[in-house]
């Protein structure tokens, strides 16, 4: 059986009431599911790692000591086993996360939090490169619409596209309810691969 740790990424006020408000899935949905995932992990004795983005005090987002930097109450109202501060998207870069997971014989991480295509995805990819199995909860993560020189994407379109890519190689993607049922019953989540994920499109 997998030895899991729940990794709660950047559930900070910046994404709730700050400059980067998550819009898909709705915050009421993702925050509730983050709470469910944390409660389930605690009930099952699964270690919980809380990750927090930090930036200099002059930064427009995640400035150290600001309200945007602060963890949301859905996290602060619950206990965790390890806390990581990071300055880059991946929770593995410049932190002790990999060492902590190895020390605790963790072989699988479960990702919840924000944002889907940024810190969540970066952490998922890095985890694979560290030899870890990844589970990614589709309704306990989220993002917002984006537009730049390359065009624009709505929040739902962006979120779903990243989930599809992750499922093709990097993670087993599921809803929170599917994940809770799986871990309670000692089941593995359904996975895919690049060949299977492209077979229909190729034909």
N, C-alpha and C. Protein backbone atom coordinates (compact mmCIF):
# COMPACT_ATOMS: atom_id res chain seq x y z
N UNK A 1 0.83 -1.20 0.00
CA UNK A 1 0.00 0.00 0.00
C UNK A 1 0.87 1.26 0.00
N UNK A 2 0.32 2.32 -0.57
CA UNK A 2 1.05 3.58 -0.63
C UNK A 2 1.21 4.17 0.77
N UNK A 3 2.34 4.82 0.99
CA UNK A 3 2.56 5.59 2.20
C UNK A 3 2.46 7.05 1.81
N UNK A 4 1.34 7.65 2.13
CA UNK A 4 1.00 8.97 1.62
C UNK A 4 1.31 10.09 2.61
N UNK A 5 1.52 11.28 2.02
CA UNK A 5 1.49 12.54 2.77
C UNK A 5 0.62 13.50 1.98
N UNK A 6 -0.23 14.23 2.67
CA UNK A 6 -1.05 15.26 2.04
C UNK A 6 -0.24 16.55 2.00
N UNK A 7 -0.09 17.12 0.82
CA UNK A 7 0.68 18.37 0.66
C UNK A 7 -0.30 19.49 0.30
N UNK A 8 -0.47 20.40 1.23
CA UNK A 8 -1.43 21.50 1.10
C UNK A 8 -0.67 22.74 0.63
N UNK A 9 -0.88 23.11 -0.63
CA UNK A 9 -0.03 24.13 -1.26
C UNK A 9 -0.70 25.50 -1.29
N UNK A 10 -0.08 26.45 -0.65
CA UNK A 10 -0.39 27.88 -0.79
C UNK A 10 -1.87 28.22 -0.62
N UNK A 11 -2.48 27.67 0.40
CA UNK A 11 -3.88 28.05 0.69
C UNK A 11 -3.81 29.32 1.54
N UNK A 12 -3.54 30.41 0.85
CA UNK A 12 -3.26 31.70 1.47
C UNK A 12 -4.29 32.73 1.03
N UNK A 13 -4.41 33.78 1.82
CA UNK A 13 -5.44 34.79 1.56
C UNK A 13 -5.26 35.49 0.22
N UNK A 14 -4.05 35.47 -0.32
CA UNK A 14 -3.83 36.09 -1.64
C UNK A 14 -4.77 35.50 -2.69
N UNK A 15 -5.08 34.21 -2.54
CA UNK A 15 -5.94 33.52 -3.50
C UNK A 15 -7.42 33.62 -3.15
N UNK A 16 -7.72 34.15 -1.98
CA UNK A 16 -9.11 34.23 -1.54
C UNK A 16 -9.63 35.67 -1.57
N UNK A 17 -8.90 36.55 -0.93
CA UNK A 17 -9.34 37.95 -0.84
C UNK A 17 -8.29 38.92 -1.36
N UNK A 18 -7.23 38.40 -1.96
CA UNK A 18 -6.12 39.24 -2.41
C UNK A 18 -6.12 39.50 -3.90
N UNK A 19 -4.94 39.59 -4.47
CA UNK A 19 -4.78 39.98 -5.87
C UNK A 19 -4.91 38.83 -6.87
N UNK A 20 -5.04 37.58 -6.37
CA UNK A 20 -5.14 36.41 -7.26
C UNK A 20 -6.34 35.55 -6.89
N UNK A 21 -7.54 36.08 -6.97
CA UNK A 21 -8.72 35.33 -6.50
C UNK A 21 -9.05 34.13 -7.38
N UNK A 22 -9.00 32.95 -6.81
CA UNK A 22 -9.33 31.72 -7.51
C UNK A 22 -10.80 31.76 -7.95
N UNK A 23 -11.06 31.34 -9.20
CA UNK A 23 -12.44 31.38 -9.68
C UNK A 23 -12.97 30.03 -10.15
N UNK A 24 -12.11 29.05 -10.41
CA UNK A 24 -12.59 27.72 -10.79
C UNK A 24 -11.69 26.63 -10.23
N UNK A 25 -12.27 25.61 -9.60
CA UNK A 25 -13.64 25.58 -9.11
C UNK A 25 -13.90 26.73 -8.13
N UNK A 26 -15.17 26.97 -7.82
CA UNK A 26 -15.50 28.03 -6.89
C UNK A 26 -14.75 27.83 -5.57
N UNK A 27 -14.37 28.94 -4.97
CA UNK A 27 -13.62 28.84 -3.70
C UNK A 27 -14.41 28.09 -2.64
N UNK A 28 -15.71 28.26 -2.63
CA UNK A 28 -16.52 27.55 -1.64
C UNK A 28 -16.37 26.03 -1.80
N UNK A 29 -16.15 25.59 -3.04
CA UNK A 29 -15.97 24.16 -3.32
C UNK A 29 -14.57 23.71 -2.95
N UNK A 30 -13.56 24.41 -3.48
CA UNK A 30 -12.18 23.94 -3.25
C UNK A 30 -11.78 24.06 -1.79
N UNK A 31 -12.17 25.13 -1.12
CA UNK A 31 -11.81 25.27 0.30
C UNK A 31 -12.47 24.18 1.15
N UNK A 32 -13.73 23.89 0.86
CA UNK A 32 -14.41 22.83 1.60
C UNK A 32 -13.71 21.49 1.39
N UNK A 33 -13.32 21.22 0.16
CA UNK A 33 -12.66 19.94 -0.14
C UNK A 33 -11.25 19.87 0.43
N UNK A 34 -10.55 21.00 0.51
CA UNK A 34 -9.25 21.02 1.18
C UNK A 34 -9.44 20.63 2.65
N UNK A 35 -10.48 21.18 3.27
CA UNK A 35 -10.77 20.82 4.65
C UNK A 35 -11.09 19.34 4.80
N UNK A 36 -11.87 18.79 3.87
CA UNK A 36 -12.20 17.36 3.91
C UNK A 36 -10.94 16.51 3.76
N UNK A 37 -10.07 16.90 2.83
CA UNK A 37 -8.83 16.14 2.63
C UNK A 37 -7.96 16.18 3.88
N UNK A 38 -7.85 17.35 4.51
CA UNK A 38 -7.04 17.46 5.73
C UNK A 38 -7.66 16.66 6.87
N UNK A 39 -8.96 16.71 7.01
CA UNK A 39 -9.63 15.94 8.08
C UNK A 39 -9.47 14.45 7.85
N UNK A 40 -9.58 14.02 6.60
CA UNK A 40 -9.41 12.60 6.29
C UNK A 40 -7.99 12.14 6.59
N UNK A 41 -7.03 12.95 6.17
CA UNK A 41 -5.63 12.61 6.43
C UNK A 41 -5.37 12.50 7.93
N UNK A 42 -5.87 13.46 8.69
CA UNK A 42 -5.67 13.44 10.14
C UNK A 42 -6.31 12.20 10.76
N UNK A 43 -7.51 11.86 10.31
CA UNK A 43 -8.22 10.70 10.84
C UNK A 43 -7.46 9.40 10.57
N UNK A 44 -6.83 9.33 9.39
CA UNK A 44 -6.13 8.11 8.99
C UNK A 44 -4.66 8.09 9.40
N UNK A 45 -4.20 9.13 10.10
CA UNK A 45 -2.80 9.18 10.51
C UNK A 45 -1.86 9.49 9.38
N UNK A 46 -2.36 10.12 8.34
CA UNK A 46 -1.55 10.49 7.17
C UNK A 46 -0.88 11.83 7.45
N UNK A 47 0.45 11.93 7.31
CA UNK A 47 1.12 13.21 7.57
C UNK A 47 0.61 14.32 6.65
N UNK A 48 0.55 15.53 7.20
CA UNK A 48 0.09 16.70 6.46
C UNK A 48 1.22 17.71 6.40
N UNK A 49 1.57 18.13 5.20
CA UNK A 49 2.58 19.16 4.98
C UNK A 49 1.88 20.41 4.46
N UNK A 50 2.09 21.53 5.13
CA UNK A 50 1.52 22.80 4.68
C UNK A 50 2.62 23.62 4.04
N UNK A 51 2.37 24.05 2.82
CA UNK A 51 3.35 24.83 2.04
C UNK A 51 2.84 26.27 1.94
N UNK A 52 3.76 27.22 2.09
CA UNK A 52 3.38 28.63 2.10
C UNK A 52 4.34 29.44 1.24
N UNK A 53 3.79 30.14 0.25
CA UNK A 53 4.59 31.02 -0.61
C UNK A 53 4.97 32.28 0.15
N UNK A 54 6.21 32.71 -0.03
CA UNK A 54 6.66 33.93 0.64
C UNK A 54 7.45 34.78 -0.33
N UNK A 55 7.25 36.10 -0.24
CA UNK A 55 7.94 37.04 -1.10
C UNK A 55 8.42 38.22 -0.24
N UNK A 56 9.34 39.03 -0.76
CA UNK A 56 9.80 40.19 0.01
C UNK A 56 8.66 41.13 0.39
N UNK A 57 8.88 41.92 1.42
CA UNK A 57 7.84 42.81 1.93
C UNK A 57 7.36 43.83 0.91
N UNK A 58 8.17 44.08 -0.11
CA UNK A 58 7.79 45.05 -1.14
C UNK A 58 7.01 44.42 -2.30
N UNK A 59 6.85 43.10 -2.27
CA UNK A 59 6.18 42.41 -3.37
C UNK A 59 4.68 42.71 -3.39
N UNK A 60 4.07 42.79 -4.60
CA UNK A 60 2.62 43.01 -4.67
C UNK A 60 1.80 41.79 -4.28
N UNK A 61 2.43 40.62 -4.23
CA UNK A 61 1.73 39.40 -3.82
C UNK A 61 2.59 38.60 -2.85
N UNK A 62 1.92 37.97 -1.89
CA UNK A 62 2.58 37.10 -0.89
C UNK A 62 3.68 37.79 -0.11
N UNK A 63 3.56 39.10 0.08
CA UNK A 63 4.58 39.84 0.83
C UNK A 63 4.64 39.34 2.27
N UNK A 64 5.83 39.04 2.71
CA UNK A 64 6.04 38.53 4.07
C UNK A 64 5.33 39.42 5.10
N UNK A 65 4.50 38.83 5.93
CA UNK A 65 3.80 39.55 6.97
C UNK A 65 2.49 40.17 6.55
N UNK A 66 2.15 40.12 5.26
CA UNK A 66 0.92 40.73 4.78
C UNK A 66 -0.27 39.79 4.96
N UNK A 67 -1.48 40.33 4.80
CA UNK A 67 -2.67 39.49 4.87
C UNK A 67 -2.68 38.47 3.73
N UNK A 68 -2.20 38.87 2.56
CA UNK A 68 -2.16 37.95 1.43
C UNK A 68 -1.24 36.77 1.67
N UNK A 69 -0.16 37.00 2.40
CA UNK A 69 0.79 35.94 2.73
C UNK A 69 0.20 34.95 3.74
N UNK A 70 -0.69 35.41 4.59
CA UNK A 70 -1.21 34.57 5.68
C UNK A 70 -1.98 33.37 5.15
N UNK A 71 -1.83 32.26 5.84
CA UNK A 71 -2.60 31.07 5.52
C UNK A 71 -4.08 31.29 5.82
N UNK A 72 -4.95 30.70 5.00
CA UNK A 72 -6.38 30.81 5.21
C UNK A 72 -6.79 29.96 6.42
N UNK A 73 -7.90 30.35 7.02
CA UNK A 73 -8.33 29.67 8.24
C UNK A 73 -8.69 28.21 8.04
N UNK A 74 -9.01 27.81 6.81
CA UNK A 74 -9.28 26.38 6.59
C UNK A 74 -8.04 25.55 6.91
N UNK A 75 -6.87 26.16 6.79
CA UNK A 75 -5.61 25.50 7.13
C UNK A 75 -5.21 25.77 8.57
N UNK A 76 -5.28 27.02 9.00
CA UNK A 76 -4.83 27.36 10.35
C UNK A 76 -5.70 26.76 11.44
N UNK A 77 -6.93 26.41 11.10
CA UNK A 77 -7.82 25.79 12.09
C UNK A 77 -7.56 24.31 12.25
N UNK A 78 -6.61 23.79 11.46
CA UNK A 78 -6.28 22.36 11.50
C UNK A 78 -4.79 22.19 11.76
N UNK A 79 -4.41 21.05 12.26
CA UNK A 79 -3.00 20.81 12.57
C UNK A 79 -2.27 20.28 11.36
N UNK A 80 -0.94 20.42 11.38
CA UNK A 80 -0.11 19.83 10.33
C UNK A 80 1.14 19.25 10.96
N UNK A 81 1.86 18.44 10.20
CA UNK A 81 3.06 17.77 10.70
C UNK A 81 4.34 18.45 10.27
N UNK A 82 4.24 19.26 9.21
CA UNK A 82 5.44 19.94 8.72
C UNK A 82 5.01 21.18 7.95
N UNK A 83 5.79 22.25 8.10
CA UNK A 83 5.50 23.50 7.42
C UNK A 83 6.69 23.89 6.56
N UNK A 84 6.40 24.26 5.31
CA UNK A 84 7.45 24.61 4.35
C UNK A 84 7.16 26.00 3.79
N UNK A 85 8.16 26.87 3.81
CA UNK A 85 8.07 28.14 3.10
C UNK A 85 8.88 28.03 1.82
N UNK A 86 8.32 28.54 0.74
CA UNK A 86 9.02 28.47 -0.54
C UNK A 86 8.97 29.83 -1.24
N UNK A 87 9.91 30.03 -2.17
CA UNK A 87 9.96 31.27 -2.93
C UNK A 87 9.74 31.04 -4.42
N UNK A 88 9.73 29.77 -4.84
CA UNK A 88 9.53 29.41 -6.24
C UNK A 88 8.30 28.50 -6.36
N UNK A 89 7.82 28.26 -7.58
CA UNK A 89 6.59 27.47 -7.71
C UNK A 89 6.63 26.08 -7.07
N UNK A 90 7.67 25.31 -7.33
CA UNK A 90 7.72 23.95 -6.78
C UNK A 90 8.02 23.96 -5.29
N UNK A 91 7.28 23.16 -4.57
CA UNK A 91 7.51 23.04 -3.12
C UNK A 91 8.80 22.31 -2.80
N UNK A 92 9.45 21.74 -3.81
CA UNK A 92 10.71 21.02 -3.59
C UNK A 92 11.94 21.91 -3.71
N UNK A 93 11.82 23.02 -4.42
CA UNK A 93 13.00 23.85 -4.72
C UNK A 93 13.33 24.77 -3.56
N UNK A 94 14.55 24.62 -3.04
CA UNK A 94 15.00 25.48 -1.96
C UNK A 94 14.37 25.18 -0.61
N UNK A 95 13.78 23.99 -0.47
CA UNK A 95 13.15 23.61 0.80
C UNK A 95 13.66 22.23 1.24
N UNK A 96 13.20 21.82 2.41
CA UNK A 96 13.59 20.51 2.92
C UNK A 96 12.53 19.45 2.66
N UNK A 97 11.59 19.72 1.75
CA UNK A 97 10.46 18.81 1.55
C UNK A 97 10.92 17.42 1.13
N UNK A 98 11.79 17.32 0.14
CA UNK A 98 12.24 16.01 -0.32
C UNK A 98 12.88 15.21 0.80
N UNK A 99 13.72 15.86 1.60
CA UNK A 99 14.40 15.17 2.70
C UNK A 99 13.38 14.73 3.76
N UNK A 100 12.42 15.60 4.05
CA UNK A 100 11.41 15.28 5.05
C UNK A 100 10.58 14.08 4.61
N UNK A 101 10.18 14.06 3.35
CA UNK A 101 9.40 12.93 2.84
C UNK A 101 10.20 11.63 2.89
N UNK A 102 11.47 11.72 2.51
CA UNK A 102 12.33 10.53 2.55
C UNK A 102 12.51 10.03 3.97
N UNK A 103 12.73 10.95 4.89
CA UNK A 103 12.92 10.58 6.29
C UNK A 103 11.70 9.86 6.85
N UNK A 104 10.53 10.25 6.38
CA UNK A 104 9.28 9.65 6.87
C UNK A 104 8.78 8.52 5.96
N UNK A 105 9.65 8.06 5.05
CA UNK A 105 9.35 6.92 4.18
C UNK A 105 8.07 7.11 3.37
N UNK A 106 7.84 8.35 2.92
CA UNK A 106 6.68 8.66 2.10
C UNK A 106 7.00 8.34 0.64
N UNK A 107 6.11 7.61 -0.02
CA UNK A 107 6.32 7.32 -1.44
C UNK A 107 5.26 7.96 -2.34
N UNK A 108 4.23 8.56 -1.74
CA UNK A 108 3.13 9.15 -2.50
C UNK A 108 2.72 10.47 -1.87
N UNK A 109 2.61 11.52 -2.69
CA UNK A 109 2.09 12.77 -2.17
C UNK A 109 0.74 13.06 -2.82
N UNK A 110 -0.13 13.67 -2.03
CA UNK A 110 -1.47 14.05 -2.47
C UNK A 110 -1.51 15.58 -2.49
N UNK A 111 -1.77 16.16 -3.65
CA UNK A 111 -1.69 17.61 -3.80
C UNK A 111 -3.07 18.25 -3.77
N UNK A 112 -3.20 19.25 -2.88
CA UNK A 112 -4.36 20.14 -2.86
C UNK A 112 -3.83 21.56 -2.73
N UNK A 113 -4.67 22.54 -3.08
CA UNK A 113 -4.26 23.93 -2.93
C UNK A 113 -4.19 24.66 -4.26
N UNK A 114 -3.38 25.70 -4.31
CA UNK A 114 -3.40 26.63 -5.45
C UNK A 114 -1.99 26.96 -5.95
N UNK A 115 -1.83 27.43 -7.21
CA UNK A 115 -2.77 27.36 -8.31
C UNK A 115 -2.51 26.11 -9.13
N UNK A 116 -3.52 25.64 -9.81
CA UNK A 116 -3.43 24.39 -10.56
C UNK A 116 -2.21 24.32 -11.46
N UNK A 117 -2.05 25.33 -12.32
CA UNK A 117 -1.04 25.28 -13.37
C UNK A 117 0.31 25.85 -12.92
N UNK A 118 0.38 26.33 -11.71
CA UNK A 118 1.61 26.98 -11.27
C UNK A 118 2.29 26.13 -10.18
N UNK A 119 2.02 26.44 -8.94
CA UNK A 119 2.71 25.72 -7.86
C UNK A 119 2.26 24.27 -7.73
N UNK A 120 0.97 24.00 -7.99
CA UNK A 120 0.49 22.62 -7.92
C UNK A 120 1.16 21.75 -8.98
N UNK A 121 1.08 22.20 -10.23
CA UNK A 121 1.66 21.42 -11.32
C UNK A 121 3.17 21.30 -11.19
N UNK A 122 3.84 22.39 -10.82
CA UNK A 122 5.30 22.35 -10.66
C UNK A 122 5.71 21.34 -9.60
N UNK A 123 4.97 21.31 -8.51
CA UNK A 123 5.26 20.36 -7.44
C UNK A 123 5.00 18.93 -7.89
N UNK A 124 3.92 18.72 -8.64
CA UNK A 124 3.60 17.38 -9.14
C UNK A 124 4.70 16.86 -10.05
N UNK A 125 5.16 17.70 -10.96
CA UNK A 125 6.22 17.28 -11.89
C UNK A 125 7.52 17.00 -11.14
N UNK A 126 7.87 17.86 -10.21
CA UNK A 126 9.09 17.64 -9.43
C UNK A 126 9.00 16.37 -8.60
N UNK A 127 7.82 16.10 -8.07
CA UNK A 127 7.64 14.89 -7.27
C UNK A 127 7.92 13.64 -8.10
N UNK A 128 7.41 13.63 -9.32
CA UNK A 128 7.69 12.50 -10.21
C UNK A 128 9.19 12.35 -10.42
N UNK A 129 9.89 13.45 -10.61
CA UNK A 129 11.34 13.41 -10.84
C UNK A 129 12.10 12.98 -9.58
N UNK A 130 11.46 13.10 -8.42
CA UNK A 130 12.05 12.61 -7.18
C UNK A 130 11.67 11.16 -6.90
N UNK A 131 10.99 10.53 -7.84
CA UNK A 131 10.63 9.13 -7.68
C UNK A 131 9.37 8.89 -6.87
N UNK A 132 8.57 9.93 -6.69
CA UNK A 132 7.36 9.81 -5.91
C UNK A 132 6.14 9.59 -6.80
N UNK A 133 5.14 8.95 -6.25
CA UNK A 133 3.83 8.84 -6.90
C UNK A 133 3.00 10.05 -6.48
N UNK A 134 2.19 10.55 -7.41
CA UNK A 134 1.42 11.77 -7.15
C UNK A 134 -0.06 11.51 -7.33
N UNK A 135 -0.85 12.01 -6.39
CA UNK A 135 -2.31 12.06 -6.50
C UNK A 135 -2.72 13.52 -6.43
N UNK A 136 -3.64 13.92 -7.28
CA UNK A 136 -3.96 15.34 -7.47
C UNK A 136 -5.47 15.49 -7.42
N UNK A 137 -5.98 16.26 -6.46
CA UNK A 137 -7.41 16.35 -6.24
C UNK A 137 -8.01 17.50 -7.04
N UNK A 138 -8.83 17.15 -8.03
CA UNK A 138 -9.31 18.12 -9.02
C UNK A 138 -10.21 19.20 -8.44
N UNK A 139 -10.96 18.88 -7.38
CA UNK A 139 -11.88 19.86 -6.82
C UNK A 139 -11.39 20.42 -5.49
N UNK A 140 -10.13 20.14 -5.15
CA UNK A 140 -9.49 20.75 -3.98
C UNK A 140 -8.28 21.56 -4.43
N UNK A 141 -8.24 21.87 -5.71
CA UNK A 141 -7.24 22.74 -6.32
C UNK A 141 -8.02 23.76 -7.15
N UNK A 142 -7.34 24.74 -7.74
CA UNK A 142 -8.07 25.71 -8.54
C UNK A 142 -7.18 26.77 -9.13
N UNK A 143 -7.78 27.55 -10.03
CA UNK A 143 -7.03 28.60 -10.71
C UNK A 143 -7.94 29.75 -11.09
N UNK A 144 -7.44 30.67 -11.90
CA UNK A 144 -8.19 31.83 -12.37
C UNK A 144 -7.86 32.08 -13.83
N UNK A 145 -8.66 32.88 -14.48
CA UNK A 145 -8.44 33.19 -15.89
C UNK A 145 -7.11 33.91 -16.08
N UNK A 146 -6.50 33.70 -17.26
CA UNK A 146 -5.22 34.33 -17.56
C UNK A 146 -5.23 34.88 -18.98
N UNK A 147 -4.48 35.96 -19.19
CA UNK A 147 -4.31 36.53 -20.53
C UNK A 147 -2.96 37.23 -20.59
N UNK A 148 -2.25 36.99 -21.68
CA UNK A 148 -0.97 37.68 -21.90
C UNK A 148 -0.69 37.73 -23.40
N UNK A 149 0.56 37.93 -23.78
CA UNK A 149 0.91 38.08 -25.20
C UNK A 149 0.56 36.85 -26.04
N UNK A 150 0.37 35.71 -25.39
CA UNK A 150 0.08 34.47 -26.11
C UNK A 150 -1.41 34.17 -26.25
N UNK A 151 -2.24 35.01 -25.68
CA UNK A 151 -3.67 34.79 -25.78
C UNK A 151 -4.34 34.77 -24.42
N UNK A 152 -5.47 34.10 -24.33
CA UNK A 152 -6.21 34.07 -23.07
C UNK A 152 -6.86 32.71 -22.87
N UNK A 153 -7.06 32.36 -21.61
CA UNK A 153 -7.73 31.13 -21.23
C UNK A 153 -8.63 31.40 -20.04
N UNK A 154 -9.84 30.88 -20.10
CA UNK A 154 -10.70 30.96 -18.94
C UNK A 154 -10.23 30.02 -17.85
N UNK A 155 -10.66 30.28 -16.62
CA UNK A 155 -10.20 29.48 -15.49
C UNK A 155 -10.56 28.01 -15.63
N UNK A 156 -11.79 27.72 -16.04
CA UNK A 156 -12.20 26.31 -16.17
C UNK A 156 -11.41 25.62 -17.27
N UNK A 157 -11.23 26.29 -18.41
CA UNK A 157 -10.49 25.71 -19.52
C UNK A 157 -9.05 25.42 -19.11
N UNK A 158 -8.43 26.35 -18.42
CA UNK A 158 -7.05 26.18 -17.98
C UNK A 158 -6.95 25.03 -16.98
N UNK A 159 -7.84 25.02 -16.01
CA UNK A 159 -7.83 23.97 -14.98
C UNK A 159 -7.97 22.59 -15.61
N UNK A 160 -8.94 22.42 -16.47
CA UNK A 160 -9.21 21.12 -17.07
C UNK A 160 -8.06 20.67 -17.98
N UNK A 161 -7.46 21.61 -18.69
CA UNK A 161 -6.34 21.26 -19.56
C UNK A 161 -5.16 20.73 -18.75
N UNK A 162 -4.86 21.38 -17.64
CA UNK A 162 -3.75 20.94 -16.80
C UNK A 162 -4.05 19.57 -16.19
N UNK A 163 -5.29 19.35 -15.76
CA UNK A 163 -5.65 18.05 -15.20
C UNK A 163 -5.45 16.94 -16.23
N UNK A 164 -5.83 17.20 -17.48
CA UNK A 164 -5.67 16.21 -18.53
C UNK A 164 -4.20 15.87 -18.74
N UNK A 165 -3.34 16.89 -18.77
CA UNK A 165 -1.91 16.67 -18.95
C UNK A 165 -1.33 15.90 -17.77
N UNK A 166 -1.71 16.28 -16.56
CA UNK A 166 -1.20 15.57 -15.38
C UNK A 166 -1.60 14.10 -15.40
N UNK A 167 -2.85 13.82 -15.77
CA UNK A 167 -3.33 12.45 -15.80
C UNK A 167 -2.59 11.62 -16.86
N UNK A 168 -2.08 12.28 -17.88
CA UNK A 168 -1.42 11.56 -18.96
C UNK A 168 -0.04 11.02 -18.58
N UNK A 169 0.54 11.52 -17.47
CA UNK A 169 1.90 11.08 -17.14
C UNK A 169 2.30 11.30 -15.69
N UNK A 170 1.85 12.41 -15.11
CA UNK A 170 2.45 12.87 -13.87
C UNK A 170 1.69 12.53 -12.60
N UNK A 171 0.40 12.28 -12.70
CA UNK A 171 -0.40 12.09 -11.48
C UNK A 171 -1.65 11.28 -11.77
N UNK A 172 -2.22 10.75 -10.71
CA UNK A 172 -3.57 10.20 -10.77
C UNK A 172 -4.50 11.31 -10.29
N UNK A 173 -5.36 11.77 -11.17
CA UNK A 173 -6.26 12.88 -10.84
C UNK A 173 -7.62 12.31 -10.44
N UNK A 174 -8.17 12.84 -9.35
CA UNK A 174 -9.49 12.38 -8.91
C UNK A 174 -10.19 13.49 -8.16
N UNK A 175 -11.47 13.31 -7.92
CA UNK A 175 -12.18 14.22 -7.03
C UNK A 175 -11.81 13.89 -5.59
N UNK A 176 -12.13 14.79 -4.71
CA UNK A 176 -11.86 14.55 -3.28
C UNK A 176 -12.64 13.34 -2.78
N UNK A 177 -13.91 13.23 -3.18
CA UNK A 177 -14.72 12.10 -2.74
C UNK A 177 -14.14 10.78 -3.23
N UNK A 178 -13.73 10.73 -4.49
CA UNK A 178 -13.12 9.51 -5.04
C UNK A 178 -11.86 9.16 -4.26
N UNK A 179 -11.07 10.17 -3.92
CA UNK A 179 -9.82 9.94 -3.18
C UNK A 179 -10.10 9.43 -1.77
N UNK A 180 -11.06 10.05 -1.09
CA UNK A 180 -11.42 9.62 0.26
C UNK A 180 -11.86 8.16 0.24
N UNK A 181 -12.71 7.81 -0.70
CA UNK A 181 -13.17 6.42 -0.79
C UNK A 181 -12.00 5.47 -1.05
N UNK A 182 -11.07 5.90 -1.92
CA UNK A 182 -9.93 5.04 -2.25
C UNK A 182 -9.03 4.81 -1.04
N UNK A 183 -8.67 5.88 -0.33
CA UNK A 183 -7.74 5.71 0.79
C UNK A 183 -8.40 4.97 1.95
N UNK A 184 -9.69 5.15 2.12
CA UNK A 184 -10.37 4.42 3.20
C UNK A 184 -10.44 2.92 2.91
N UNK A 185 -10.47 2.57 1.62
CA UNK A 185 -10.63 1.17 1.23
C UNK A 185 -9.34 0.55 0.70
N UNK A 186 -8.21 1.26 0.84
CA UNK A 186 -6.94 0.71 0.41
C UNK A 186 -6.84 0.49 -1.08
N UNK A 187 -7.51 1.33 -1.86
CA UNK A 187 -7.53 1.18 -3.31
C UNK A 187 -6.59 2.19 -3.97
N UNK A 188 -6.13 1.83 -5.17
CA UNK A 188 -5.32 2.75 -5.97
C UNK A 188 -6.24 3.57 -6.87
N UNK A 189 -5.86 4.81 -7.12
CA UNK A 189 -6.59 5.64 -8.08
C UNK A 189 -6.23 5.24 -9.50
N UNK A 190 -7.15 5.42 -10.41
CA UNK A 190 -6.92 5.08 -11.80
C UNK A 190 -5.88 6.00 -12.42
N UNK A 191 -4.94 5.40 -13.14
CA UNK A 191 -3.87 6.16 -13.78
C UNK A 191 -3.91 5.94 -15.28
N UNK A 192 -3.20 6.79 -16.00
CA UNK A 192 -3.10 6.65 -17.44
C UNK A 192 -1.64 6.80 -17.84
N UNK A 193 -1.38 6.92 -19.13
CA UNK A 193 -0.04 7.16 -19.63
C UNK A 193 -0.15 7.91 -20.95
N UNK A 194 0.99 8.29 -21.50
CA UNK A 194 0.98 9.10 -22.72
C UNK A 194 0.36 8.35 -23.89
N UNK A 195 0.70 7.06 -24.02
CA UNK A 195 0.17 6.28 -25.14
C UNK A 195 -1.35 6.19 -25.06
N UNK A 196 -1.84 5.78 -23.90
CA UNK A 196 -3.29 5.63 -23.74
C UNK A 196 -4.01 6.97 -23.88
N UNK A 197 -3.38 8.02 -23.40
CA UNK A 197 -4.02 9.34 -23.42
C UNK A 197 -4.07 9.96 -24.81
N UNK A 198 -3.23 9.47 -25.71
CA UNK A 198 -3.21 10.04 -27.06
C UNK A 198 -3.78 9.10 -28.11
N UNK A 199 -4.09 7.86 -27.71
CA UNK A 199 -4.51 6.84 -28.68
C UNK A 199 -5.77 7.26 -29.44
N UNK A 200 -6.78 7.74 -28.72
CA UNK A 200 -8.03 8.14 -29.37
C UNK A 200 -7.78 9.32 -30.30
N UNK A 201 -7.01 10.29 -29.84
CA UNK A 201 -6.73 11.46 -30.68
C UNK A 201 -5.97 11.07 -31.94
N UNK A 202 -5.04 10.11 -31.82
CA UNK A 202 -4.28 9.70 -32.99
C UNK A 202 -5.15 8.98 -34.01
N UNK A 203 -6.16 8.29 -33.54
CA UNK A 203 -7.00 7.54 -34.46
C UNK A 203 -8.06 8.43 -35.10
